[in-house]
Amino acid sequence: MNHARALIQAVAVAAVLWTTLPTHAQVALRAEVAKPLQAAQELIKSGNPSGALAQAAAARNIANLSELERATVERVAATAALHAKDNASAIEALGYLSVDASVPAAERLTFQEILIGLQRAQGDLAGLTRTTRLYLDQGGRKAGTRALYLQALSAQKRHADIVDYLKPLLADDRNVTLSEPEATALAVAQQSLGNNAGYYDALKRLVISAPANKDYWRELLAQLREQPAFDPRHELDVVRLMAHRQLLSGAEAHVQHAQLALKAGYPLEAARALDAGEAARAFVSAADRLTLDKLRQTVQNKVAEDAAQIKALEAATSAPQRAELAEILHSKGDHAAAVPLYRQALQGTGLRREDELRLHLVVSLALSGRPQEAREALASIKPGSTARELGGLWTTPN
């Protein structure tokens, strides 16, 4: 909330306060309390909120105020302060009303909301932290308040408090989705605490909240490679996901993709990787063009060599052969044709690296516009495996 929005909200709440001020009879004010408060109300009506605030302060100093008298004094003080744009005085009065048990719960939440806006405008991080937490704990549901609480903690480097607050929420079976600011605060906290596993998990939540952010994806995939259970056999799968998310830039990245595809036996994919690099104008220098020409010749030779093998696989019926053909179609981007072949193969026997095949089925389903089937297929991959991690990332909504 910027200062202008805080002021608009303050004026709105001042109007609410004004219309809900109790009368003398309603709260049985003593005459010595009622007199300055009545004077304050008249001064507000006449456009002198500063004078009204002085009258409210005088009433506050009267000895032995009852609970209801004090609440009435603070309502008048808050109204006058908001009209006078005296944030410090408004914060003082609203701070009392926000926690006073004599104030109805719904009104306390309203007072807390405006207090949060004022504390944010004042840069009062400690006060903002207290009030946002109070608001959340008392059932406040205004959008963005939880993020504001976490951001206030983060600004004070209270990283452990962020993790502790979110831990029970994220452990809940409701699969809570964090907003981008919330996930950012969690990621910063986990990284600052040196919790690599927690940082990786927070990055996964970040790409769910902001799937178009390429920086989040780059960091997430870099961290995936650093996970203790990462299987380096899946390096090509990581690069494929990077290509899909348009994270590859520069000649080196496209050459690496092509070389990994060639090494895995997929020259058609290598050709696509080089084409993508050319389309992105990645091969600019003379050295880059020379590398491209040499690699493209190698790729073309391999494509020609594999043509007969592909034709033979199209007529084959065993599960391993169905799987091999599915992998080739997957590598060339023909995902709709690869899906039935993967499913046929996975019903058979004699397969190697079955989780890898199941991952590629998930990817082909996702890329052929069948996200629900992709999520269902994901459940068949071994939990905790690199294949399962990558499959989960491929099924992240765009």
Foldseek 3Di string as FASTA:
>chain_A
DEPVVLLVLLLVVLVVLLVPQDDCVVLVDDPVLNVLQVVLNVCVVVPNLVSSLVSLVVSCPDPPQDLSSLLNSLSSNLSSCSSVVVLVSNLVSLVCLLPRPVRDLVVSLSSLVSNLSSCVNVVVLVVNLVSLVSNVVSPNDPPPSVLSNLVSCVVVVVLVVLCVVCVVVCVDPPNDQDALSSLVSQLVSCVVVVNLVSNLVSLVSNCLNPVLDLVSLVVNLVSLCVDPQADCVCVLVSLVVCVVSVNDAALVSLCVNLVNCVVVLALLLSVVSLVVCVVVVRQPDPVSVVSSVVSVVVSVVSVVVCPVVLVVLVPDQALQSLLVNLVNCLSNPVLVVSQVSLVSSVVHDDDDPNLQSLLSNLLSCLSVPNLVVSVVSLVVHDPPHSSSVSSVVSSRDD
